[in-house]
């Protein structure tokens, strides 16, 4: 089999694992229970608390799985809150090409600064741009990951989190090793519960 055929087959396999919903997709009851547990965990971090108080809304993804070998992908389900009221379920999908090796699982929360940003997210299909960055939360040490590179230090978070284009994002690793942790290009599909 030629090199082009092998690469094409590998690309087809990688993309199929990203865009095909898992047969073992969790039930709504499991999703809401996992989301409550993730929210309780995010509330433990002092640097996140002001966002819960001031944000117009937020979306919580209790378990995002990400993996890749040159071509990567991520997938997760979550719950969307408007003023602390559950309003929708959301699906996170991401495809990346480039220096991506390994796998990881993490929780992610997106805070929406105002109604306008929240409404854009809820409009149907929403994608994080190249300028998106996330503050990684860890126990005892933290890293800030974004489009400008990575850095680490002691404490709850590496740097003060802030809104970029009306969105602030936090992640917390659940395990695994990944040589790339970018969130840019994540796409969100929304299913309203109203």
N, C-alpha and C. Protein backbone atom coordinates (compact mmCIF):
# COMPACT_ATOMS: atom_id res chain seq x y z
N UNK A 1 0.85 -1.16 0.00
CA UNK A 1 0.00 0.00 0.00
C UNK A 1 0.90 1.23 0.00
N UNK A 2 0.59 2.19 -0.86
CA UNK A 2 1.40 3.39 -0.98
C UNK A 2 1.24 4.35 0.18
N UNK A 3 2.16 5.28 0.26
CA UNK A 3 2.15 6.27 1.34
C UNK A 3 0.87 7.10 1.32
N UNK A 4 0.45 7.55 0.14
CA UNK A 4 -0.76 8.37 0.02
C UNK A 4 -1.97 7.56 0.47
N UNK A 5 -2.05 6.31 0.08
CA UNK A 5 -3.17 5.47 0.48
C UNK A 5 -3.20 5.28 1.99
N UNK A 6 -2.04 5.06 2.59
CA UNK A 6 -1.97 4.91 4.05
C UNK A 6 -2.39 6.19 4.77
N UNK A 7 -1.91 7.33 4.28
CA UNK A 7 -2.29 8.61 4.89
C UNK A 7 -3.78 8.85 4.74
N UNK A 8 -4.33 8.56 3.57
CA UNK A 8 -5.77 8.75 3.34
C UNK A 8 -6.59 7.86 4.26
N UNK A 9 -6.18 6.62 4.40
CA UNK A 9 -6.87 5.69 5.27
C UNK A 9 -6.79 6.16 6.73
N UNK A 10 -5.62 6.61 7.14
CA UNK A 10 -5.45 7.13 8.50
C UNK A 10 -6.31 8.36 8.75
N UNK A 11 -6.37 9.26 7.77
CA UNK A 11 -7.19 10.47 7.89
C UNK A 11 -8.66 10.09 7.99
N UNK A 12 -9.11 9.17 7.15
CA UNK A 12 -10.50 8.73 7.18
C UNK A 12 -10.85 8.14 8.54
N UNK A 13 -9.97 7.30 9.08
CA UNK A 13 -10.22 6.70 10.39
C UNK A 13 -10.28 7.76 11.48
N UNK A 14 -9.32 8.68 11.48
CA UNK A 14 -9.26 9.72 12.51
C UNK A 14 -10.51 10.59 12.48
N UNK A 15 -10.92 11.00 11.30
CA UNK A 15 -12.10 11.85 11.19
C UNK A 15 -13.37 11.10 11.56
N UNK A 16 -13.45 9.81 11.24
CA UNK A 16 -14.65 9.05 11.58
C UNK A 16 -14.80 8.91 13.09
N UNK A 17 -13.70 8.84 13.82
CA UNK A 17 -13.79 8.72 15.28
C UNK A 17 -14.23 10.02 15.92
N UNK A 18 -14.04 11.13 15.24
CA UNK A 18 -14.44 12.43 15.79
C UNK A 18 -15.90 12.73 15.49
N UNK A 19 -16.35 12.44 14.29
CA UNK A 19 -17.67 12.87 13.87
C UNK A 19 -18.77 11.86 14.11
N UNK A 20 -18.45 10.63 14.47
CA UNK A 20 -19.46 9.63 14.77
C UNK A 20 -19.72 9.67 16.26
N UNK A 21 -20.98 9.86 16.63
CA UNK A 21 -21.31 9.89 18.05
C UNK A 21 -21.08 8.52 18.66
N UNK A 22 -20.51 8.47 19.86
CA UNK A 22 -20.24 7.18 20.49
C UNK A 22 -21.54 6.42 20.76
N UNK A 23 -21.50 5.10 20.56
CA UNK A 23 -22.67 4.26 20.82
C UNK A 23 -22.97 4.23 22.31
N UNK A 24 -21.97 4.47 23.14
CA UNK A 24 -22.14 4.42 24.58
C UNK A 24 -22.42 5.80 25.17
N UNK A 25 -23.00 6.70 24.36
CA UNK A 25 -23.28 8.06 24.83
C UNK A 25 -24.08 8.00 26.13
N UNK A 26 -23.70 8.86 27.07
CA UNK A 26 -24.33 8.82 28.38
C UNK A 26 -25.77 9.31 28.33
N UNK A 27 -26.58 8.81 29.24
CA UNK A 27 -27.97 9.24 29.33
C UNK A 27 -28.02 10.66 29.89
N UNK A 28 -29.19 11.28 29.75
CA UNK A 28 -29.37 12.63 30.30
C UNK A 28 -29.12 12.64 31.81
N UNK A 29 -29.61 11.62 32.51
CA UNK A 29 -29.42 11.57 33.97
C UNK A 29 -27.94 11.53 34.32
N UNK A 30 -27.16 10.73 33.58
CA UNK A 30 -25.71 10.67 33.82
C UNK A 30 -25.05 12.01 33.50
N UNK A 31 -25.46 12.62 32.38
CA UNK A 31 -24.89 13.90 31.98
C UNK A 31 -25.13 14.96 33.05
N UNK A 32 -26.37 15.05 33.55
CA UNK A 32 -26.67 16.06 34.56
C UNK A 32 -25.96 15.77 35.88
N UNK A 33 -25.83 14.50 36.25
CA UNK A 33 -25.09 14.15 37.48
C UNK A 33 -23.61 14.48 37.33
N UNK A 34 -23.03 14.13 36.19
CA UNK A 34 -21.62 14.44 35.94
C UNK A 34 -21.38 15.95 35.91
N UNK A 35 -22.35 16.68 35.35
CA UNK A 35 -22.23 18.14 35.28
C UNK A 35 -22.27 18.75 36.68
N UNK A 36 -23.17 18.27 37.53
CA UNK A 36 -23.23 18.77 38.92
C UNK A 36 -21.90 18.52 39.63
N UNK A 37 -21.31 17.35 39.43
CA UNK A 37 -20.02 17.03 40.06
C UNK A 37 -18.92 17.95 39.53
N UNK A 38 -18.91 18.20 38.22
CA UNK A 38 -17.90 19.09 37.63
C UNK A 38 -18.08 20.51 38.15
N UNK A 39 -19.33 20.97 38.26
CA UNK A 39 -19.59 22.31 38.80
C UNK A 39 -19.08 22.43 40.23
N UNK A 40 -19.34 21.42 41.05
CA UNK A 40 -18.85 21.45 42.43
C UNK A 40 -17.33 21.54 42.45
N UNK A 41 -16.69 20.83 41.54
CA UNK A 41 -15.23 20.87 41.46
C UNK A 41 -14.73 22.25 41.03
N UNK A 42 -15.34 22.83 40.00
CA UNK A 42 -14.93 24.17 39.55
C UNK A 42 -15.15 25.22 40.65
N UNK A 43 -16.21 25.06 41.44
CA UNK A 43 -16.48 26.01 42.52
C UNK A 43 -15.38 26.02 43.58
N UNK A 44 -14.59 24.97 43.67
CA UNK A 44 -13.51 24.90 44.66
C UNK A 44 -12.39 25.89 44.39
N UNK A 45 -12.28 26.36 43.16
CA UNK A 45 -11.17 27.23 42.79
C UNK A 45 -11.57 28.70 42.98
N UNK A 46 -10.82 29.37 43.82
CA UNK A 46 -11.08 30.77 44.14
C UNK A 46 -11.10 31.65 42.90
N UNK A 47 -10.23 31.38 41.95
CA UNK A 47 -10.12 32.21 40.75
C UNK A 47 -11.34 32.08 39.84
N UNK A 48 -12.14 31.04 40.00
CA UNK A 48 -13.31 30.82 39.15
C UNK A 48 -14.56 31.46 39.77
N UNK A 49 -14.59 31.61 41.07
CA UNK A 49 -15.80 32.06 41.76
C UNK A 49 -16.37 33.39 41.26
N UNK A 50 -15.54 34.40 40.97
CA UNK A 50 -16.13 35.65 40.46
C UNK A 50 -16.89 35.47 39.14
N UNK A 51 -16.46 34.51 38.34
CA UNK A 51 -17.14 34.27 37.07
C UNK A 51 -18.53 33.68 37.30
N UNK A 52 -18.67 32.79 38.29
CA UNK A 52 -19.99 32.25 38.61
C UNK A 52 -20.92 33.37 39.08
N UNK A 53 -20.37 34.33 39.79
CA UNK A 53 -21.17 35.42 40.33
C UNK A 53 -21.58 36.42 39.25
N UNK A 54 -20.67 36.75 38.33
CA UNK A 54 -20.89 37.86 37.40
C UNK A 54 -21.30 37.47 35.99
N UNK A 55 -21.06 36.24 35.57
CA UNK A 55 -21.33 35.85 34.18
C UNK A 55 -22.83 35.80 33.91
N UNK A 56 -23.19 36.12 32.68
CA UNK A 56 -24.59 36.01 32.27
C UNK A 56 -25.01 34.54 32.18
N UNK A 57 -24.09 33.70 31.74
CA UNK A 57 -24.38 32.27 31.61
C UNK A 57 -23.09 31.49 31.48
N UNK A 58 -23.21 30.17 31.45
CA UNK A 58 -22.02 29.33 31.30
C UNK A 58 -22.42 27.97 30.74
N UNK A 59 -21.44 27.29 30.16
CA UNK A 59 -21.62 25.93 29.63
C UNK A 59 -20.57 25.04 30.28
N UNK A 60 -21.00 23.89 30.79
CA UNK A 60 -20.11 22.98 31.49
C UNK A 60 -20.03 21.66 30.73
N UNK A 61 -18.80 21.23 30.45
CA UNK A 61 -18.54 19.95 29.81
C UNK A 61 -17.77 19.10 30.81
N UNK A 62 -18.45 18.18 31.51
CA UNK A 62 -17.79 17.44 32.59
C UNK A 62 -16.68 16.51 32.13
N UNK A 63 -16.77 16.02 30.90
CA UNK A 63 -15.73 15.11 30.42
C UNK A 63 -15.54 15.26 28.92
N UNK A 64 -14.43 15.89 28.54
CA UNK A 64 -14.06 16.04 27.13
C UNK A 64 -12.90 15.09 26.88
N UNK A 65 -13.06 14.21 25.92
CA UNK A 65 -11.99 13.30 25.54
C UNK A 65 -11.29 13.86 24.31
N UNK A 66 -9.97 13.86 24.36
CA UNK A 66 -9.19 14.42 23.25
C UNK A 66 -8.03 13.49 22.96
N UNK A 67 -7.77 13.25 21.69
CA UNK A 67 -6.66 12.39 21.32
C UNK A 67 -6.23 12.63 19.90
N UNK A 68 -5.04 12.15 19.58
CA UNK A 68 -4.59 12.33 18.22
C UNK A 68 -3.20 11.80 17.96
N UNK A 69 -2.95 11.61 16.71
CA UNK A 69 -1.64 11.27 16.19
C UNK A 69 -1.53 12.03 14.88
N UNK A 70 -0.97 13.22 14.90
CA UNK A 70 -0.91 14.21 13.82
C UNK A 70 -2.29 14.81 13.55
N UNK A 71 -3.29 13.96 13.38
CA UNK A 71 -4.66 14.44 13.23
C UNK A 71 -5.35 14.11 14.53
N UNK A 72 -6.00 15.10 15.13
CA UNK A 72 -6.61 14.87 16.42
C UNK A 72 -8.05 15.29 16.45
N UNK A 73 -8.69 14.97 17.54
CA UNK A 73 -10.07 15.35 17.72
C UNK A 73 -10.44 15.36 19.18
N UNK A 74 -11.55 16.01 19.47
CA UNK A 74 -12.08 16.05 20.83
C UNK A 74 -13.59 15.97 20.75
N UNK A 75 -14.19 15.40 21.80
CA UNK A 75 -15.64 15.27 21.84
C UNK A 75 -16.10 15.28 23.29
N UNK A 76 -17.23 15.92 23.53
CA UNK A 76 -17.82 15.91 24.86
C UNK A 76 -19.23 16.46 24.84
N UNK A 77 -20.00 16.10 25.83
CA UNK A 77 -21.36 16.62 26.00
C UNK A 77 -21.41 17.47 27.24
N UNK A 78 -22.28 18.48 27.23
CA UNK A 78 -22.37 19.36 28.37
C UNK A 78 -23.75 19.95 28.55
N UNK A 79 -23.83 20.84 29.53
CA UNK A 79 -25.08 21.49 29.90
C UNK A 79 -24.85 23.00 29.92
N UNK A 80 -25.85 23.75 29.42
CA UNK A 80 -25.76 25.21 29.33
C UNK A 80 -26.70 25.83 30.36
N UNK A 81 -26.19 26.85 31.04
CA UNK A 81 -26.95 27.56 32.07
C UNK A 81 -27.05 29.03 31.71
N UNK A 82 -28.26 29.58 31.88
CA UNK A 82 -28.48 31.02 31.73
C UNK A 82 -28.94 31.52 33.09
N UNK A 83 -28.14 32.40 33.68
CA UNK A 83 -28.45 32.92 35.03
C UNK A 83 -28.72 31.77 36.02
N UNK A 84 -27.88 30.75 35.98
CA UNK A 84 -27.95 29.58 36.86
C UNK A 84 -29.14 28.66 36.60
N UNK A 85 -29.87 28.86 35.51
CA UNK A 85 -30.97 27.98 35.13
C UNK A 85 -30.55 27.13 33.94
N UNK A 86 -30.83 25.84 34.01
CA UNK A 86 -30.50 24.92 32.93
C UNK A 86 -31.39 25.22 31.73
N UNK A 87 -30.77 25.50 30.56
CA UNK A 87 -31.55 25.86 29.38
C UNK A 87 -31.27 25.00 28.16
N UNK A 88 -30.15 24.26 28.14
CA UNK A 88 -29.82 23.49 26.93
C UNK A 88 -28.77 22.43 27.23
N UNK A 89 -28.70 21.48 26.31
CA UNK A 89 -27.58 20.54 26.28
C UNK A 89 -26.68 20.99 25.13
N UNK A 90 -25.41 20.66 25.21
CA UNK A 90 -24.47 21.08 24.16
C UNK A 90 -23.52 19.94 23.83
N UNK A 91 -23.07 19.94 22.59
CA UNK A 91 -22.10 18.97 22.11
C UNK A 91 -20.86 19.73 21.68
N UNK A 92 -19.69 19.29 22.11
CA UNK A 92 -18.41 19.89 21.74
C UNK A 92 -17.70 18.94 20.79
N UNK A 93 -17.26 19.47 19.65
CA UNK A 93 -16.52 18.69 18.65
C UNK A 93 -15.33 19.53 18.20
N UNK A 94 -14.17 18.90 18.05
CA UNK A 94 -12.98 19.61 17.58
C UNK A 94 -12.14 18.67 16.73
N UNK A 95 -11.64 19.20 15.62
CA UNK A 95 -10.69 18.47 14.77
C UNK A 95 -9.46 19.34 14.64
N UNK A 96 -8.28 18.73 14.76
CA UNK A 96 -7.04 19.50 14.61
C UNK A 96 -6.05 18.70 13.77
N UNK A 97 -5.24 19.42 13.04
CA UNK A 97 -4.19 18.81 12.23
C UNK A 97 -2.89 19.50 12.62
N UNK A 98 -1.85 18.73 12.83
CA UNK A 98 -0.57 19.31 13.22
C UNK A 98 0.09 18.50 14.29
N UNK A 99 0.88 19.15 15.12
CA UNK A 99 1.68 18.49 16.14
C UNK A 99 0.80 18.08 17.31
N UNK A 100 0.10 16.95 17.18
CA UNK A 100 -0.79 16.44 18.21
C UNK A 100 -0.48 14.97 18.43
N UNK A 101 -0.04 14.62 19.63
CA UNK A 101 0.25 13.23 19.97
C UNK A 101 -0.28 12.95 21.37
N UNK A 102 -0.97 11.84 21.55
CA UNK A 102 -1.40 11.43 22.87
C UNK A 102 -2.89 11.55 23.06
N UNK A 103 -3.29 11.51 24.30
CA UNK A 103 -4.70 11.60 24.64
C UNK A 103 -4.87 12.17 26.03
N UNK A 104 -6.02 12.73 26.27
CA UNK A 104 -6.31 13.28 27.59
C UNK A 104 -7.81 13.41 27.77
N UNK A 105 -8.22 13.53 29.00
CA UNK A 105 -9.60 13.83 29.34
C UNK A 105 -9.57 15.02 30.27
N UNK A 106 -10.52 15.93 30.09
CA UNK A 106 -10.56 17.11 30.93
C UNK A 106 -11.99 17.62 31.05
N UNK A 107 -12.24 18.41 32.08
CA UNK A 107 -13.50 19.13 32.24
C UNK A 107 -13.28 20.54 31.73
N UNK A 108 -14.32 21.14 31.17
CA UNK A 108 -14.20 22.48 30.62
C UNK A 108 -15.45 23.29 30.97
N UNK A 109 -15.25 24.56 31.30
CA UNK A 109 -16.36 25.46 31.54
C UNK A 109 -16.11 26.75 30.77
N UNK A 110 -17.14 27.22 30.08
CA UNK A 110 -17.09 28.48 29.34
C UNK A 110 -18.04 29.45 30.02
N UNK A 111 -17.55 30.63 30.39
CA UNK A 111 -18.39 31.67 30.98
C UNK A 111 -18.67 32.73 29.92
N UNK A 112 -19.93 33.17 29.85
CA UNK A 112 -20.34 34.19 28.89
C UNK A 112 -20.57 35.49 29.64
N UNK A 113 -19.83 36.50 29.26
CA UNK A 113 -19.83 37.77 29.98
C UNK A 113 -21.17 38.50 29.94
N UNK A 114 -21.88 38.39 28.81
CA UNK A 114 -23.11 39.15 28.65
C UNK A 114 -24.12 38.38 27.79
N UNK A 115 -25.33 38.92 27.70
CA UNK A 115 -26.41 38.27 26.95
C UNK A 115 -26.06 38.14 25.48
N UNK A 116 -25.41 39.13 24.91
CA UNK A 116 -25.06 39.09 23.48
C UNK A 116 -24.15 37.89 23.17
N UNK A 117 -23.13 37.69 23.98
CA UNK A 117 -22.22 36.56 23.77
C UNK A 117 -22.94 35.24 24.00
N UNK A 118 -23.76 35.20 25.04
CA UNK A 118 -24.54 33.99 25.34
C UNK A 118 -25.46 33.65 24.17
N UNK A 119 -26.15 34.64 23.63
CA UNK A 119 -27.07 34.42 22.51
C UNK A 119 -26.33 33.91 21.27
N UNK A 120 -25.12 34.42 21.03
CA UNK A 120 -24.32 33.91 19.90
C UNK A 120 -24.02 32.43 20.10
N UNK A 121 -23.65 32.05 21.32
CA UNK A 121 -23.37 30.65 21.62
C UNK A 121 -24.62 29.79 21.41
N UNK A 122 -25.76 30.30 21.84
CA UNK A 122 -27.01 29.55 21.77
C UNK A 122 -27.62 29.52 20.37
N UNK A 123 -27.08 30.29 19.44
CA UNK A 123 -27.69 30.44 18.11
C UNK A 123 -27.69 29.17 17.28
N UNK A 124 -27.01 28.15 17.70
CA UNK A 124 -27.01 26.91 16.94
C UNK A 124 -25.63 26.30 16.89
N UNK A 125 -24.84 26.73 15.95
CA UNK A 125 -23.49 26.20 15.81
C UNK A 125 -22.50 27.33 16.07
N UNK A 126 -21.65 27.15 17.07
CA UNK A 126 -20.72 28.18 17.52
C UNK A 126 -19.32 27.60 17.50
N UNK A 127 -18.32 28.40 17.12
CA UNK A 127 -16.93 27.91 17.07
C UNK A 127 -16.00 28.90 17.76
N UNK A 128 -15.07 28.38 18.56
CA UNK A 128 -14.05 29.22 19.18
C UNK A 128 -13.01 29.59 18.15
N UNK A 129 -12.65 30.85 18.09
CA UNK A 129 -11.66 31.33 17.13
C UNK A 129 -10.24 31.08 17.60
N UNK A 130 -9.29 31.47 16.76
CA UNK A 130 -7.87 31.24 17.03
C UNK A 130 -7.39 31.99 18.27
N UNK A 131 -8.07 33.07 18.65
CA UNK A 131 -7.64 33.86 19.80
C UNK A 131 -8.09 33.25 21.13
N UNK A 132 -8.90 32.20 21.10
CA UNK A 132 -9.41 31.59 22.32
C UNK A 132 -8.28 30.97 23.13
N UNK A 133 -8.38 31.12 24.45
CA UNK A 133 -7.41 30.48 25.34
C UNK A 133 -8.13 30.05 26.60
N UNK A 134 -7.57 29.07 27.30
CA UNK A 134 -8.17 28.55 28.52
C UNK A 134 -7.17 28.63 29.65
N UNK A 135 -7.68 28.88 30.84
CA UNK A 135 -6.86 28.83 32.04
C UNK A 135 -7.01 27.43 32.62
N UNK A 136 -5.91 26.71 32.74
CA UNK A 136 -5.94 25.34 33.26
C UNK A 136 -5.87 25.38 34.78
N UNK A 137 -6.79 24.68 35.44
CA UNK A 137 -6.84 24.62 36.89
C UNK A 137 -6.23 23.30 37.35
N UNK A 138 -5.33 23.36 38.32
CA UNK A 138 -4.72 22.15 38.87
C UNK A 138 -4.58 22.30 40.37
N UNK A 139 -4.32 21.21 41.03
CA UNK A 139 -4.07 21.23 42.48
C UNK A 139 -2.60 21.55 42.71
N UNK A 140 -2.30 22.68 43.31
CA UNK A 140 -0.92 23.00 43.69
C UNK A 140 -0.07 23.63 42.61
N UNK A 141 -0.34 23.38 41.36
CA UNK A 141 0.40 23.98 40.27
C UNK A 141 -0.56 24.20 39.12
N UNK A 142 -0.28 25.18 38.30
CA UNK A 142 -1.21 25.48 37.22
C UNK A 142 -0.47 25.85 35.97
N UNK A 143 -1.17 25.72 34.87
CA UNK A 143 -0.61 26.11 33.58
C UNK A 143 -1.63 26.94 32.84
N UNK A 144 -1.17 27.89 32.07
CA UNK A 144 -2.04 28.69 31.22
C UNK A 144 -1.78 28.26 29.80
N UNK A 145 -2.82 27.81 29.13
CA UNK A 145 -2.66 27.31 27.77
C UNK A 145 -3.42 28.22 26.83
N UNK A 146 -2.79 28.53 25.71
CA UNK A 146 -3.48 29.37 24.74
C UNK A 146 -2.74 29.41 23.44
N UNK A 147 -3.11 30.34 22.62
CA UNK A 147 -2.50 30.43 21.30
C UNK A 147 -1.11 31.04 21.37
N UNK A 148 -0.72 31.56 22.55
CA UNK A 148 0.60 32.16 22.68
C UNK A 148 1.61 31.23 23.33
N UNK A 149 1.21 29.99 23.63
CA UNK A 149 2.13 29.05 24.24
C UNK A 149 1.66 28.62 25.60
N UNK A 150 2.52 27.96 26.35
CA UNK A 150 2.15 27.47 27.67
C UNK A 150 3.16 27.94 28.70
N UNK A 151 2.71 28.04 29.94
CA UNK A 151 3.61 28.36 31.05
C UNK A 151 3.03 27.75 32.31
N UNK A 152 3.83 27.64 33.36
CA UNK A 152 3.35 27.00 34.58
C UNK A 152 3.90 27.71 35.80
N UNK A 153 3.19 27.56 36.94
CA UNK A 153 3.65 28.11 38.21
C UNK A 153 2.86 27.48 39.33
N UNK A 154 3.22 27.82 40.57
CA UNK A 154 2.49 27.30 41.72
C UNK A 154 1.23 28.12 41.94
N UNK A 155 0.26 27.51 42.61
CA UNK A 155 -0.96 28.21 42.94
C UNK A 155 -2.17 27.62 42.24
N UNK A 156 -3.33 28.25 42.44
CA UNK A 156 -4.56 27.78 41.83
C UNK A 156 -4.53 27.89 40.32
N UNK A 157 -4.10 29.02 39.80
CA UNK A 157 -4.02 29.23 38.36
C UNK A 157 -2.77 30.02 38.07
N UNK A 158 -2.29 29.92 36.85
CA UNK A 158 -1.04 30.58 36.49
C UNK A 158 -1.21 32.09 36.40
N UNK A 159 -2.30 32.52 35.85
CA UNK A 159 -2.50 33.95 35.65
C UNK A 159 -3.95 34.29 35.89
N UNK A 160 -4.23 35.56 36.03
CA UNK A 160 -5.60 36.01 36.22
C UNK A 160 -6.38 35.75 34.95
N UNK A 161 -7.47 35.02 35.09
CA UNK A 161 -8.30 34.72 33.93
C UNK A 161 -9.10 35.97 33.55
N UNK A 162 -9.44 36.06 32.29
CA UNK A 162 -10.18 37.21 31.80
C UNK A 162 -11.00 36.80 30.59
N UNK A 163 -11.95 37.65 30.24
CA UNK A 163 -12.79 37.40 29.07
C UNK A 163 -12.05 37.80 27.80
N UNK A 164 -12.16 36.96 26.77
CA UNK A 164 -11.69 37.29 25.43
C UNK A 164 -12.91 37.19 24.53
N UNK A 165 -13.26 38.28 23.89
CA UNK A 165 -14.46 38.33 23.05
C UNK A 165 -15.70 37.84 23.81
N UNK A 166 -15.78 38.19 25.09
CA UNK A 166 -16.96 37.87 25.89
C UNK A 166 -16.98 36.48 26.49
N UNK A 167 -15.90 35.70 26.33
CA UNK A 167 -15.87 34.33 26.85
C UNK A 167 -14.61 34.12 27.69
N UNK A 168 -14.78 33.52 28.87
CA UNK A 168 -13.65 33.08 29.70
C UNK A 168 -13.77 31.56 29.83
N UNK A 169 -12.64 30.86 29.68
CA UNK A 169 -12.67 29.40 29.64
C UNK A 169 -11.67 28.84 30.66
N UNK A 170 -12.14 27.84 31.40
CA UNK A 170 -11.28 27.12 32.34
C UNK A 170 -11.35 25.63 32.01
N UNK A 171 -10.21 24.95 32.17
CA UNK A 171 -10.18 23.50 32.00
C UNK A 171 -9.50 22.88 33.22
N UNK A 172 -9.85 21.63 33.48
CA UNK A 172 -9.15 20.88 34.51
C UNK A 172 -8.93 19.46 34.00
N UNK A 173 -7.65 19.07 33.95
CA UNK A 173 -7.28 17.75 33.43
C UNK A 173 -7.83 16.65 34.32
N UNK A 174 -8.26 15.57 33.69
CA UNK A 174 -8.74 14.40 34.41
C UNK A 174 -7.73 13.26 34.32
N UNK A 175 -6.73 13.42 33.47
CA UNK A 175 -5.72 12.39 33.32
C UNK A 175 -5.26 12.31 31.87
N UNK A 176 -4.17 11.64 31.65
CA UNK A 176 -3.65 11.47 30.30
C UNK A 176 -2.55 12.47 30.01
N UNK A 177 -1.91 12.28 28.90
CA UNK A 177 -0.82 13.15 28.49
C UNK A 177 -1.08 13.61 27.07
N UNK A 178 -0.97 14.89 26.85
CA UNK A 178 -1.20 15.46 25.53
C UNK A 178 -0.13 16.50 25.29
N UNK A 179 0.49 16.47 24.11
CA UNK A 179 1.53 17.45 23.79
C UNK A 179 0.92 18.67 23.15
N UNK A 180 -0.37 18.79 23.08
CA UNK A 180 -1.04 19.96 22.51
C UNK A 180 -2.35 20.11 23.26
N UNK A 181 -2.64 21.30 23.73
CA UNK A 181 -3.84 21.48 24.53
C UNK A 181 -4.66 22.67 24.05
N UNK A 182 -4.62 22.97 22.79
CA UNK A 182 -5.35 24.13 22.26
C UNK A 182 -6.84 23.87 22.25
N UNK A 183 -7.62 24.90 22.49
CA UNK A 183 -9.07 24.80 22.44
C UNK A 183 -9.64 25.51 21.22
N UNK A 184 -8.82 26.28 20.52
CA UNK A 184 -9.29 26.99 19.33
C UNK A 184 -9.83 25.97 18.33
N UNK A 185 -10.92 26.31 17.69
CA UNK A 185 -11.53 25.42 16.72
C UNK A 185 -12.58 24.50 17.31
N UNK A 186 -12.81 24.58 18.62
CA UNK A 186 -13.89 23.79 19.19
C UNK A 186 -15.21 24.31 18.63
N UNK A 187 -16.08 23.38 18.23
CA UNK A 187 -17.40 23.73 17.72
C UNK A 187 -18.44 23.20 18.69
N UNK A 188 -19.52 23.95 18.85
CA UNK A 188 -20.56 23.60 19.80
C UNK A 188 -21.90 23.54 19.10
N UNK A 189 -22.60 22.44 19.29
CA UNK A 189 -23.96 22.29 18.77
C UNK A 189 -24.89 22.30 19.97
N UNK A 190 -25.95 23.09 19.89
CA UNK A 190 -26.83 23.34 21.02
C UNK A 190 -28.19 22.69 20.81
N UNK A 191 -28.72 22.06 21.86
CA UNK A 191 -30.07 21.51 21.84
C UNK A 191 -30.83 22.12 23.01
N UNK A 192 -31.74 23.04 22.70
CA UNK A 192 -32.50 23.74 23.73
C UNK A 192 -33.39 22.78 24.49
N UNK A 193 -33.55 23.02 25.78
CA UNK A 193 -34.44 22.22 26.61
C UNK A 193 -35.79 22.89 26.79
N UNK A 194 -35.97 24.05 26.18
CA UNK A 194 -37.23 24.80 26.32
C UNK A 194 -38.29 24.26 25.40
